[in-house]
PDB file of all heavy atoms in Angstrom:
ATOM      1  N   LEU A   1      -3.943 -23.103  -8.800  1.00  0.00           N
ATOM      2  CA  LEU A   1      -3.136 -22.394  -9.790  1.00  0.00           C
ATOM      3  C   LEU A   1      -4.022 -21.596 -10.741  1.00  0.00           C
ATOM      4  O   LEU A   1      -4.993 -22.109 -11.286  1.00  0.00           O
ATOM      5  CB  LEU A   1      -2.284 -23.389 -10.586  1.00  0.00           C
ATOM      6  CG  LEU A   1      -1.348 -24.281  -9.756  1.00  0.00           C
ATOM      7  CD1 LEU A   1      -0.618 -25.269 -10.648  1.00  0.00           C
ATOM      8  CD2 LEU A   1      -0.361 -23.437  -8.962  1.00  0.00           C
ATOM      9  N   GLY A   2      -3.683 -20.333 -10.924  1.00  0.00           N
ATOM     10  CA  GLY A   2      -4.424 -19.482 -11.846  1.00  0.00           C
ATOM     11  C   GLY A   2      -5.730 -18.946 -11.297  1.00  0.00           C
ATOM     12  O   GLY A   2      -6.449 -18.234 -11.991  1.00  0.00           O
ATOM     13  N   ALA A   3      -6.053 -19.275 -10.050  1.00  0.00           N
ATOM     14  CA  ALA A   3      -7.313 -18.822  -9.461  1.00  0.00           C
ATOM     15  C   ALA A   3      -7.093 -17.545  -8.663  1.00  0.00           C
ATOM     16  O   ALA A   3      -6.208 -17.487  -7.809  1.00  0.00           O
ATOM     17  CB  ALA A   3      -7.890 -19.908  -8.557  1.00  0.00           C
ATOM     18  N   GLU A   4      -7.886 -16.526  -8.942  1.00  0.00           N
ATOM     19  CA  GLU A   4      -7.792 -15.279  -8.173  1.00  0.00           C
ATOM     20  C   GLU A   4      -8.325 -15.526  -6.768  1.00  0.00           C
ATOM     21  O   GLU A   4      -9.359 -16.169  -6.589  1.00  0.00           O
ATOM     22  CB  GLU A   4      -8.588 -14.174  -8.866  1.00  0.00           C
ATOM     23  CG  GLU A   4      -8.354 -12.793  -8.279  1.00  0.00           C
ATOM     24  CD  GLU A   4      -9.013 -11.690  -9.093  1.00  0.00           C
ATOM     25  OE1 GLU A   4      -9.779 -12.012 -10.023  1.00  0.00           O
ATOM     26  OE2 GLU A   4      -8.771 -10.516  -8.790  1.00  0.00           O
ATOM     27  N   ASP A   5      -7.623 -15.052  -5.770  1.00  0.00           N
ATOM     28  CA  ASP A   5      -8.022 -15.267  -4.377  1.00  0.00           C
ATOM     29  C   ASP A   5      -7.605 -14.049  -3.560  1.00  0.00           C
ATOM     30  O   ASP A   5      -6.424 -13.816  -3.332  1.00  0.00           O
ATOM     31  CB  ASP A   5      -7.355 -16.532  -3.829  1.00  0.00           C
ATOM     32  CG  ASP A   5      -7.858 -16.911  -2.437  1.00  0.00           C
ATOM     33  OD1 ASP A   5      -8.570 -16.099  -1.818  1.00  0.00           O
ATOM     34  OD2 ASP A   5      -7.525 -18.019  -1.970  1.00  0.00           O
ATOM     35  N   LYS A   6      -8.597 -13.266  -3.125  1.00  0.00           N
ATOM     36  CA  LYS A   6      -8.322 -12.035  -2.378  1.00  0.00           C
ATOM     37  C   LYS A   6      -8.623 -12.192  -0.887  1.00  0.00           C
ATOM     38  O   LYS A   6      -8.835 -11.209  -0.185  1.00  0.00           O
ATOM     39  CB  LYS A   6      -9.118 -10.876  -2.981  1.00  0.00           C
ATOM     40  CG  LYS A   6      -8.665 -10.504  -4.383  1.00  0.00           C
ATOM     41  CD  LYS A   6      -9.403  -9.312  -4.954  1.00  0.00           C
ATOM     42  CE  LYS A   6     -10.797  -9.669  -5.389  1.00  0.00           C
ATOM     43  NZ  LYS A   6     -11.462  -8.567  -6.126  1.00  0.00           N
ATOM     44  N   THR A   7      -8.580 -13.443  -0.412  1.00  0.00           N
ATOM     45  CA  THR A   7      -8.753 -13.696   1.015  1.00  0.00           C
ATOM     46  C   THR A   7      -7.619 -13.043   1.802  1.00  0.00           C
ATOM     47  O   THR A   7      -6.446 -13.168   1.431  1.00  0.00           O
ATOM     48  CB  THR A   7      -8.735 -15.216   1.303  1.00  0.00           C
ATOM     49  OG1 THR A   7      -9.725 -15.851   0.502  1.00  0.00           O
ATOM     50  CG2 THR A   7      -8.990 -15.502   2.775  1.00  0.00           C
ATOM     51  N   VAL A   8      -7.939 -12.340   2.878  1.00  0.00           N
ATOM     52  CA  VAL A   8      -6.905 -11.738   3.726  1.00  0.00           C
ATOM     53  C   VAL A   8      -6.271 -12.842   4.572  1.00  0.00           C
ATOM     54  O   VAL A   8      -6.952 -13.530   5.322  1.00  0.00           O
ATOM     55  CB  VAL A   8      -7.492 -10.645   4.637  1.00  0.00           C
ATOM     56  CG1 VAL A   8      -6.409 -10.092   5.571  1.00  0.00           C
ATOM     57  CG2 VAL A   8      -8.094  -9.523   3.808  1.00  0.00           C
ATOM     58  N   VAL A   9      -4.959 -13.010   4.447  1.00  0.00           N
ATOM     59  CA  VAL A   9      -4.264 -14.020   5.256  1.00  0.00           C
ATOM     60  C   VAL A   9      -3.419 -13.387   6.357  1.00  0.00           C
ATOM     61  O   VAL A   9      -3.097 -14.042   7.346  1.00  0.00           O
ATOM     62  CB  VAL A   9      -3.375 -14.950   4.389  1.00  0.00           C
ATOM     63  CG1 VAL A   9      -4.230 -15.842   3.525  1.00  0.00           C
ATOM     64  CG2 VAL A   9      -2.398 -14.155   3.536  1.00  0.00           C
ATOM     65  N   LEU A  10      -3.086 -12.122   6.204  1.00  0.00           N
ATOM     66  CA  LEU A  10      -2.326 -11.438   7.253  1.00  0.00           C
ATOM     67  C   LEU A  10      -2.469  -9.932   7.122  1.00  0.00           C
ATOM     68  O   LEU A  10      -2.299  -9.376   6.041  1.00  0.00           O
ATOM     69  CB  LEU A  10      -0.837 -11.815   7.179  1.00  0.00           C
ATOM     70  CG  LEU A  10       0.107 -11.062   8.125  1.00  0.00           C
ATOM     71  CD1 LEU A  10      -0.256 -11.352   9.571  1.00  0.00           C
ATOM     72  CD2 LEU A  10       1.551 -11.444   7.865  1.00  0.00           C
ATOM     73  N   LYS A  11      -2.785  -9.295   8.245  1.00  0.00           N
ATOM     74  CA  LYS A  11      -2.827  -7.833   8.299  1.00  0.00           C
ATOM     75  C   LYS A  11      -2.045  -7.404   9.526  1.00  0.00           C
ATOM     76  O   LYS A  11      -2.266  -7.917  10.624  1.00  0.00           O
ATOM     77  CB  LYS A  11      -4.264  -7.331   8.407  1.00  0.00           C
ATOM     78  CG  LYS A  11      -4.363  -5.799   8.534  1.00  0.00           C
ATOM     79  CD  LYS A  11      -5.746  -5.358   8.963  1.00  0.00           C
ATOM     80  CE  LYS A  11      -5.965  -5.563  10.449  1.00  0.00           C
ATOM     81  NZ  LYS A  11      -7.243  -4.986  10.942  1.00  0.00           N
ATOM     82  N   LYS A  12      -1.118  -6.471   9.337  1.00  0.00           N
ATOM     83  CA  LYS A  12      -0.378  -5.907  10.462  1.00  0.00           C
ATOM     84  C   LYS A  12      -0.295  -4.393  10.279  1.00  0.00           C
ATOM     85  O   LYS A  12       0.012  -3.904   9.202  1.00  0.00           O
ATOM     86  CB  LYS A  12       1.045  -6.488  10.534  1.00  0.00           C
ATOM     87  CG  LYS A  12       1.101  -7.974  10.832  1.00  0.00           C
ATOM     88  CD  LYS A  12       2.524  -8.446  11.125  1.00  0.00           C
ATOM     89  CE  LYS A  12       3.408  -8.369   9.903  1.00  0.00           C
ATOM     90  NZ  LYS A  12       4.760  -8.905  10.190  1.00  0.00           N
ATOM     91  N   CYS A  13      -0.598  -3.672  11.350  1.00  0.00           N
ATOM     92  CA  CYS A  13      -0.544  -2.214  11.304  1.00  0.00           C
ATOM     93  C   CYS A  13       0.352  -1.703  12.433  1.00  0.00           C
ATOM     94  O   CYS A  13       0.282  -2.211  13.561  1.00  0.00           O
ATOM     95  CB  CYS A  13      -1.934  -1.602  11.468  1.00  0.00           C
ATOM     96  SG  CYS A  13      -3.142  -2.143  10.235  1.00  0.00           S
ATOM     97  N   GLY A  14       1.156  -0.715  12.128  1.00  0.00           N
ATOM     98  CA  GLY A  14       2.037  -0.132  13.124  1.00  0.00           C
ATOM     99  C   GLY A  14       1.332   0.906  13.977  1.00  0.00           C
ATOM    100  O   GLY A  14       0.130   1.145  13.834  1.00  0.00           O
ATOM    101  N   PRO A  15       2.068   1.553  14.876  1.00  0.00           N
ATOM    102  CA  PRO A  15       1.484   2.605  15.720  1.00  0.00           C
ATOM    103  C   PRO A  15       1.112   3.822  14.888  1.00  0.00           C
ATOM    104  O   PRO A  15       1.660   4.048  13.814  1.00  0.00           O
ATOM    105  CB  PRO A  15       2.616   2.923  16.700  1.00  0.00           C
ATOM    106  CG  PRO A  15       3.868   2.543  15.966  1.00  0.00           C
ATOM    107  CD  PRO A  15       3.516   1.346  15.146  1.00  0.00           C
ATOM    108  N   SER A  16       0.179   4.591  15.391  1.00  0.00           N
ATOM    109  CA  SER A  16      -0.292   5.766  14.661  1.00  0.00           C
ATOM    110  C   SER A  16       0.776   6.863  14.638  1.00  0.00           C
ATOM    111  O   SER A  16       1.498   7.062  15.611  1.00  0.00           O
ATOM    112  CB  SER A  16      -1.562   6.307  15.312  1.00  0.00           C
ATOM    113  OG  SER A  16      -1.947   7.522  14.697  1.00  0.00           O
ATOM    114  N   ILE A  17       0.861   7.555  13.503  1.00  0.00           N
ATOM    115  CA  ILE A  17       1.752   8.713  13.406  1.00  0.00           C
ATOM    116  C   ILE A  17       0.949   9.998  13.619  1.00  0.00           C
ATOM    117  O   ILE A  17       1.426  11.093  13.345  1.00  0.00           O
ATOM    118  CB  ILE A  17       2.490   8.762  12.056  1.00  0.00           C
ATOM    119  CG1 ILE A  17       1.504   8.723  10.889  1.00  0.00           C
ATOM    120  CG2 ILE A  17       3.508   7.652  11.959  1.00  0.00           C
ATOM    121  CD1 ILE A  17       2.165   8.860   9.529  1.00  0.00           C
ATOM    122  N   GLY A  18      -0.294   9.833  14.069  1.00  0.00           N
ATOM    123  CA  GLY A  18      -1.130  10.990  14.348  1.00  0.00           C
ATOM    124  C   GLY A  18      -1.576  11.690  13.079  1.00  0.00           C
ATOM    125  O   GLY A  18      -1.793  11.061  12.055  1.00  0.00           O
ATOM    126  N   SER A  19      -1.669  12.987  13.157  1.00  0.00           N
ATOM    127  CA  SER A  19      -2.181  13.752  12.012  1.00  0.00           C
ATOM    128  C   SER A  19      -1.059  14.476  11.270  1.00  0.00           C
ATOM    129  O   SER A  19      -1.243  15.596  10.803  1.00  0.00           O
ATOM    130  CB  SER A  19      -3.225  14.764  12.495  1.00  0.00           C
ATOM    131  OG  SER A  19      -2.655  15.604  13.486  1.00  0.00           O
ATOM    132  N   ASN A  20       0.109  13.838  11.196  1.00  0.00           N
ATOM    133  CA  ASN A  20       1.227  14.432  10.464  1.00  0.00           C
ATOM    134  C   ASN A  20       0.881  14.443   8.976  1.00  0.00           C
ATOM    135  O   ASN A  20       1.045  13.452   8.273  1.00  0.00           O
ATOM    136  CB  ASN A  20       2.507  13.617  10.715  1.00  0.00           C
ATOM    137  CG  ASN A  20       3.744  14.281  10.109  1.00  0.00           C
ATOM    138  OD1 ASN A  20       3.681  14.860   9.027  1.00  0.00           O
ATOM    139  ND2 ASN A  20       4.860  14.195  10.820  1.00  0.00           N
ATOM    140  N   SER A  21       0.374  15.578   8.518  1.00  0.00           N
ATOM    141  CA  SER A  21      -0.177  15.646   7.164  1.00  0.00           C
ATOM    142  C   SER A  21       0.877  15.404   6.089  1.00  0.00           C
ATOM    143  O   SER A  21       0.582  14.808   5.052  1.00  0.00           O
ATOM    144  CB  SER A  21      -0.863  16.992   6.938  1.00  0.00           C
ATOM    145  OG  SER A  21       0.061  18.055   7.112  1.00  0.00           O
ATOM    146  N   ASP A  22       2.107  15.845   6.324  1.00  0.00           N
ATOM    147  CA  ASP A  22       3.155  15.659   5.319  1.00  0.00           C
ATOM    148  C   ASP A  22       3.464  14.181   5.123  1.00  0.00           C
ATOM    149  O   ASP A  22       3.538  13.689   3.999  1.00  0.00           O
ATOM    150  CB  ASP A  22       4.426  16.418   5.733  1.00  0.00           C
ATOM    151  CG  ASP A  22       5.539  16.265   4.692  1.00  0.00           C
ATOM    152  OD1 ASP A  22       5.320  16.670   3.536  1.00  0.00           O
ATOM    153  OD2 ASP A  22       6.608  15.734   5.045  1.00  0.00           O
ATOM    154  N   GLU A  23       3.618  13.459   6.229  1.00  0.00           N
ATOM    155  CA  GLU A  23       3.916  12.029   6.129  1.00  0.00           C
ATOM    156  C   GLU A  23       2.751  11.264   5.524  1.00  0.00           C
ATOM    157  O   GLU A  23       2.946  10.367   4.695  1.00  0.00           O
ATOM    158  CB  GLU A  23       4.267  11.464   7.517  1.00  0.00           C
ATOM    159  CG  GLU A  23       5.609  11.926   8.043  1.00  0.00           C
ATOM    160  CD  GLU A  23       5.996  11.207   9.327  1.00  0.00           C
ATOM    161  OE1 GLU A  23       5.406  10.152   9.619  1.00  0.00           O
ATOM    162  OE2 GLU A  23       6.883  11.714  10.038  1.00  0.00           O
ATOM    163  N   LEU A  24       1.524  11.604   5.929  1.00  0.00           N
ATOM    164  CA  LEU A  24       0.359  10.913   5.380  1.00  0.00           C
ATOM    165  C   LEU A  24       0.176  11.228   3.899  1.00  0.00           C
ATOM    166  O   LEU A  24      -0.212  10.361   3.115  1.00  0.00           O
ATOM    167  CB  LEU A  24      -0.892  11.300   6.167  1.00  0.00           C
ATOM    168  CG  LEU A  24      -0.971  10.778   7.604  1.00  0.00           C
ATOM    169  CD1 LEU A  24      -2.205  11.328   8.311  1.00  0.00           C
ATOM    170  CD2 LEU A  24      -0.983   9.251   7.623  1.00  0.00           C
ATOM    171  N   THR A  25       0.484  12.465   3.513  1.00  0.00           N
ATOM    172  CA  THR A  25       0.395  12.837   2.102  1.00  0.00           C
ATOM    173  C   THR A  25       1.379  12.041   1.267  1.00  0.00           C
ATOM    174  O   THR A  25       1.051  11.535   0.194  1.00  0.00           O
ATOM    175  CB  THR A  25       0.652  14.350   1.920  1.00  0.00           C
ATOM    176  OG1 THR A  25      -0.360  15.081   2.605  1.00  0.00           O
ATOM    177  CG2 THR A  25       0.628  14.727   0.448  1.00  0.00           C
ATOM    178  N   ARG A  26       2.603  11.924   1.780  1.00  0.00           N
ATOM    179  CA  ARG A  26       3.615  11.131   1.066  1.00  0.00           C
ATOM    180  C   ARG A  26       3.203   9.661   1.000  1.00  0.00           C
ATOM    181  O   ARG A  26       3.355   9.006  -0.026  1.00  0.00           O
ATOM    182  CB  ARG A  26       4.977  11.268   1.748  1.00  0.00           C
ATOM    183  CG  ARG A  26       5.640  12.617   1.547  1.00  0.00           C
ATOM    184  CD  ARG A  26       6.991  12.698   2.239  1.00  0.00           C
ATOM    185  NE  ARG A  26       7.629  13.982   1.994  1.00  0.00           N
ATOM    186  CZ  ARG A  26       8.367  14.260   0.915  1.00  0.00           C
ATOM    187  NH1 ARG A  26       8.564  13.345   0.004  1.00  0.00           N
ATOM    188  NH2 ARG A  26       8.917  15.447   0.765  1.00  0.00           N
ATOM    189  N   ARG A  27       2.680   9.142   2.103  1.00  0.00           N
ATOM    190  CA  ARG A  27       2.222   7.754   2.130  1.00  0.00           C
ATOM    191  C   ARG A  27       1.144   7.524   1.074  1.00  0.00           C
ATOM    192  O   ARG A  27       1.177   6.561   0.306  1.00  0.00           O
ATOM    193  CB  ARG A  27       1.699   7.430   3.532  1.00  0.00           C
ATOM    194  CG  ARG A  27       1.386   5.949   3.825  1.00  0.00           C
ATOM    195  CD  ARG A  27       0.007   5.500   3.360  1.00  0.00           C
ATOM    196  NE  ARG A  27      -1.092   6.337   3.764  1.00  0.00           N
ATOM    197  CZ  ARG A  27      -1.760   6.234   4.917  1.00  0.00           C
ATOM    198  NH1 ARG A  27      -1.413   5.298   5.776  1.00  0.00           N
ATOM    199  NH2 ARG A  27      -2.774   7.037   5.179  1.00  0.00           N
ATOM    200  N   ASP A  28       0.155   8.426   1.045  1.00  0.00           N
ATOM    201  CA  ASP A  28      -0.946   8.284   0.089  1.00  0.00           C
ATOM    202  C   ASP A  28      -0.461   8.389  -1.347  1.00  0.00           C
ATOM    203  O   ASP A  28      -0.975   7.707  -2.246  1.00  0.00           O
ATOM    204  CB  ASP A  28      -2.020   9.351   0.357  1.00  0.00           C
ATOM    205  CG  ASP A  28      -2.804   9.068   1.635  1.00  0.00           C
ATOM    206  OD1 ASP A  28      -2.684   7.941   2.159  1.00  0.00           O
ATOM    207  OD2 ASP A  28      -3.516   9.976   2.106  1.00  0.00           O
ATOM    208  N   ALA A  29       0.533   9.251  -1.578  1.00  0.00           N
ATOM    209  CA  ALA A  29       1.080   9.386  -2.925  1.00  0.00           C
ATOM    210  C   ALA A  29       1.795   8.107  -3.354  1.00  0.00           C
ATOM    211  O   ALA A  29       1.665   7.661  -4.497  1.00  0.00           O
ATOM    212  CB  ALA A  29       2.050  10.572  -2.978  1.00  0.00           C
ATOM    213  N   VAL A  30       2.546   7.525  -2.443  1.00  0.00           N
ATOM    214  CA  VAL A  30       3.244   6.268  -2.749  1.00  0.00           C
ATOM    215  C   VAL A  30       2.240   5.171  -3.064  1.00  0.00           C
ATOM    216  O   VAL A  30       2.384   4.430  -4.045  1.00  0.00           O
ATOM    217  CB  VAL A  30       4.157   5.844  -1.571  1.00  0.00           C
ATOM    218  CG1 VAL A  30       4.685   4.432  -1.782  1.00  0.00           C
ATOM    219  CG2 VAL A  30       5.327   6.822  -1.441  1.00  0.00           C
ATOM    220  N   LEU A  31       1.191   5.049  -2.246  1.00  0.00           N
ATOM    221  CA  LEU A  31       0.189   4.009  -2.473  1.00  0.00           C
ATOM    222  C   LEU A  31      -0.577   4.259  -3.774  1.00  0.00           C
ATOM    223  O   LEU A  31      -0.925   3.312  -4.486  1.00  0.00           O
ATOM    224  CB  LEU A  31      -0.773   3.940  -1.287  1.00  0.00           C
ATOM    225  CG  LEU A  31      -0.171   3.433   0.032  1.00  0.00           C
ATOM    226  CD1 LEU A  31      -1.219   3.425   1.135  1.00  0.00           C
ATOM    227  CD2 LEU A  31       0.449   2.048  -0.134  1.00  0.00           C
ATOM    228  N   ALA A  32      -0.829   5.517  -4.107  1.00  0.00           N
ATOM    229  CA  ALA A  32      -1.494   5.834  -5.375  1.00  0.00           C
ATOM    230  C   ALA A  32      -0.619   5.428  -6.553  1.00  0.00           C
ATOM    231  O   ALA A  32      -1.110   4.889  -7.556  1.00  0.00           O
ATOM    232  CB  ALA A  32      -1.820   7.324  -5.437  1.00  0.00           C
ATOM    233  N   TYR A  33       0.676   5.679  -6.435  1.00  0.00           N
ATOM    234  CA  TYR A  33       1.620   5.284  -7.478  1.00  0.00           C
ATOM    235  C   TYR A  33       1.627   3.766  -7.656  1.00  0.00           C
ATOM    236  O   TYR A  33       1.614   3.241  -8.775  1.00  0.00           O
ATOM    237  CB  TYR A  33       3.025   5.779  -7.115  1.00  0.00           C
ATOM    238  CG  TYR A  33       4.122   5.214  -7.984  1.00  0.00           C
ATOM    239  CD1 TYR A  33       4.326   5.697  -9.269  1.00  0.00           C
ATOM    240  CD2 TYR A  33       4.949   4.196  -7.520  1.00  0.00           C
ATOM    241  CE1 TYR A  33       5.329   5.174 -10.078  1.00  0.00           C
ATOM    242  CE2 TYR A  33       5.955   3.668  -8.310  1.00  0.00           C
ATOM    243  CZ  TYR A  33       6.131   4.161  -9.590  1.00  0.00           C
ATOM    244  OH  TYR A  33       7.122   3.636 -10.382  1.00  0.00           O
ATOM    245  N   LEU A  34       1.629   3.040  -6.537  1.00  0.00           N
ATOM    246  CA  LEU A  34       1.660   1.581  -6.604  1.00  0.00           C
ATOM    247  C   LEU A  34       0.348   1.019  -7.135  1.00  0.00           C
ATOM    248  O   LEU A  34       0.343  -0.002  -7.829  1.00  0.00           O
ATOM    249  CB  LEU A  34       1.949   0.998  -5.213  1.00  0.00           C
ATOM    250  CG  LEU A  34       3.324   1.338  -4.625  1.00  0.00           C
ATOM    251  CD1 LEU A  34       3.430   0.820  -3.190  1.00  0.00           C
ATOM    252  CD2 LEU A  34       4.442   0.753  -5.476  1.00  0.00           C
ATOM    253  N   THR A  35      -0.770   1.678  -6.843  1.00  0.00           N
ATOM    254  CA  THR A  35      -2.072   1.214  -7.325  1.00  0.00           C
ATOM    255  C   THR A  35      -2.149   1.274  -8.841  1.00  0.00           C
ATOM    256  O   THR A  35      -2.762   0.423  -9.484  1.00  0.00           O
ATOM    257  CB  THR A  35      -3.208   2.068  -6.729  1.00  0.00           C
ATOM    258  OG1 THR A  35      -3.134   2.025  -5.307  1.00  0.00           O
ATOM    259  CG2 THR A  35      -4.571   1.552  -7.161  1.00  0.00           C
ATOM    260  N   ALA A  36      -1.500   2.270  -9.419  1.00  0.00           N
ATOM    261  CA  ALA A  36      -1.559   2.467 -10.869  1.00  0.00           C
ATOM    262  C   ALA A  36      -0.470   1.683 -11.588  1.00  0.00           C
ATOM    263  O   ALA A  36      -0.003   2.093 -12.646  1.00  0.00           O
ATOM    264  CB  ALA A  36      -1.435   3.953 -11.186  1.00  0.00           C
ATOM    265  N   GLY A  37      -0.069   0.578 -11.027  1.00  0.00           N
ATOM    266  CA  GLY A  37       1.100  -0.155 -11.506  1.00  0.00           C
ATOM    267  C   GLY A  37       0.969  -0.840 -12.842  1.00  0.00           C
ATOM    268  O   GLY A  37       1.268  -0.293 -13.888  1.00  0.00           O
ATOM    269  N   GLY A  38       0.472  -2.079 -12.845  1.00  0.00           N
ATOM    270  CA  GLY A  38       0.447  -2.851 -14.074  1.00  0.00           C
ATOM    271  C   GLY A  38       1.567  -3.865 -14.152  1.00  0.00           C
ATOM    272  O   GLY A  38       1.725  -4.541 -15.163  1.00  0.00           O
ATOM    273  N   GLN A  39       2.374  -3.979 -13.096  1.00  0.00           N
ATOM    274  CA  GLN A  39       3.419  -4.983 -13.043  1.00  0.00           C
ATOM    275  C   GLN A  39       3.162  -5.918 -11.871  1.00  0.00           C
ATOM    276  O   GLN A  39       2.420  -5.598 -10.955  1.00  0.00           O
ATOM    277  CB  GLN A  39       4.809  -4.337 -12.874  1.00  0.00           C
ATOM    278  CG  GLN A  39       5.207  -3.414 -14.017  1.00  0.00           C
ATOM    279  CD  GLN A  39       5.123  -1.946 -13.610  1.00  0.00           C
ATOM    280  OE1 GLN A  39       4.473  -1.602 -12.637  1.00  0.00           O
ATOM    281  NE2 GLN A  39       5.768  -1.094 -14.393  1.00  0.00           N
ATOM    282  N   TYR A  40       3.809  -7.098 -11.915  1.00  0.00           N
ATOM    283  CA  TYR A  40       3.656  -8.069 -10.833  1.00  0.00           C
ATOM    284  C   TYR A  40       4.420  -7.648  -9.577  1.00  0.00           C
ATOM    285  O   TYR A  40       4.082  -8.061  -8.480  1.00  0.00           O
ATOM    286  CB  TYR A  40       4.132  -9.453 -11.286  1.00  0.00           C
ATOM    287  CG  TYR A  40       3.204 -10.114 -12.277  1.00  0.00           C
ATOM    288  CD1 TYR A  40       3.533 -10.181 -13.635  1.00  0.00           C
ATOM    289  CD2 TYR A  40       1.985 -10.653 -11.857  1.00  0.00           C
ATOM    290  CE1 TYR A  40       2.670 -10.787 -14.539  1.00  0.00           C
ATOM    291  CE2 TYR A  40       1.126 -11.254 -12.756  1.00  0.00           C
ATOM    292  CZ  TYR A  40       1.470 -11.319 -14.097  1.00  0.00           C
ATOM    293  OH  TYR A  40       0.607 -11.910 -14.991  1.00  0.00           O
ATOM    294  N   PHE A  41       5.441  -6.837  -9.749  1.00  0.00           N
ATOM    295  CA  PHE A  41       6.219  -6.362  -8.605  1.00  0.00           C
ATOM    296  C   PHE A  41       6.522  -4.887  -8.828  1.00  0.00           C
ATOM    297  O   PHE A  41       6.948  -4.483  -9.917  1.00  0.00           O
ATOM    298  CB  PHE A  41       7.532  -7.139  -8.480  1.00  0.00           C
ATOM    299  CG  PHE A  41       8.470  -6.594  -7.429  1.00  0.00           C
ATOM    300  CD1 PHE A  41       8.232  -6.798  -6.081  1.00  0.00           C
ATOM    301  CD2 PHE A  41       9.607  -5.877  -7.810  1.00  0.00           C
ATOM    302  CE1 PHE A  41       9.092  -6.296  -5.111  1.00  0.00           C
ATOM    303  CE2 PHE A  41      10.486  -5.369  -6.849  1.00  0.00           C
ATOM    304  CZ  PHE A  41      10.230  -5.589  -5.498  1.00  0.00           C
ATOM    305  N   ARG A  42       6.289  -4.078  -7.792  1.00  0.00           N
ATOM    306  CA  ARG A  42       6.544  -2.651  -7.941  1.00  0.00           C
ATOM    307  C   ARG A  42       6.911  -2.051  -6.600  1.00  0.00           C
ATOM    308  O   ARG A  42       6.342  -2.409  -5.575  1.00  0.00           O
ATOM    309  CB  ARG A  42       5.296  -1.949  -8.494  1.00  0.00           C
ATOM    310  CG  ARG A  42       5.597  -0.541  -9.027  1.00  0.00           C
ATOM    311  CD  ARG A  42       4.401   0.050  -9.739  1.00  0.00           C
ATOM    312  NE  ARG A  42       4.830   1.156 -10.585  1.00  0.00           N
ATOM    313  CZ  ARG A  42       4.011   1.978 -11.213  1.00  0.00           C
ATOM    314  NH1 ARG A  42       2.708   1.828 -11.099  1.00  0.00           N
ATOM    315  NH2 ARG A  42       4.475   2.955 -11.966  1.00  0.00           N
ATOM    316  N   VAL A  43       7.870  -1.148  -6.609  1.00  0.00           N
ATOM    317  CA  VAL A  43       8.252  -0.417  -5.410  1.00  0.00           C
ATOM    318  C   VAL A  43       8.225   1.074  -5.728  1.00  0.00           C
ATOM    319  O   VAL A  43       8.339   1.484  -6.879  1.00  0.00           O
ATOM    320  CB  VAL A  43       9.669  -0.812  -4.907  1.00  0.00           C
ATOM    321  CG1 VAL A  43       9.691  -2.247  -4.435  1.00  0.00           C
ATOM    322  CG2 VAL A  43      10.720  -0.587  -5.997  1.00  0.00           C
ATOM    323  N   GLY A  44       8.066   1.871  -4.691  1.00  0.00           N
ATOM    324  CA  GLY A  44       8.085   3.312  -4.856  1.00  0.00           C
ATOM    325  C   GLY A  44       8.361   3.975  -3.527  1.00  0.00           C
ATOM    326  O   GLY A  44       8.125   3.388  -2.469  1.00  0.00           O
ATOM    327  N   GLY A  45       8.881   5.194  -3.581  1.00  0.00           N
ATOM    328  CA  GLY A  45       9.178   5.882  -2.336  1.00  0.00           C
ATOM    329  C   GLY A  45       9.219   7.377  -2.513  1.00  0.00           C
ATOM    330  O   GLY A  45       9.456   7.887  -3.605  1.00  0.00           O
TER     331      GLY A  45
END
């Protein structure tokens, strides 16, 4: 309890969407938004 632990317990990746720049740009923007969070739970789309 209260101990930070960044051990990877599960990683799953889907099939590649190739070089679809629009989709990857949107994905990166969503992840950037979530990275700058500051809350325990956050969603974005």
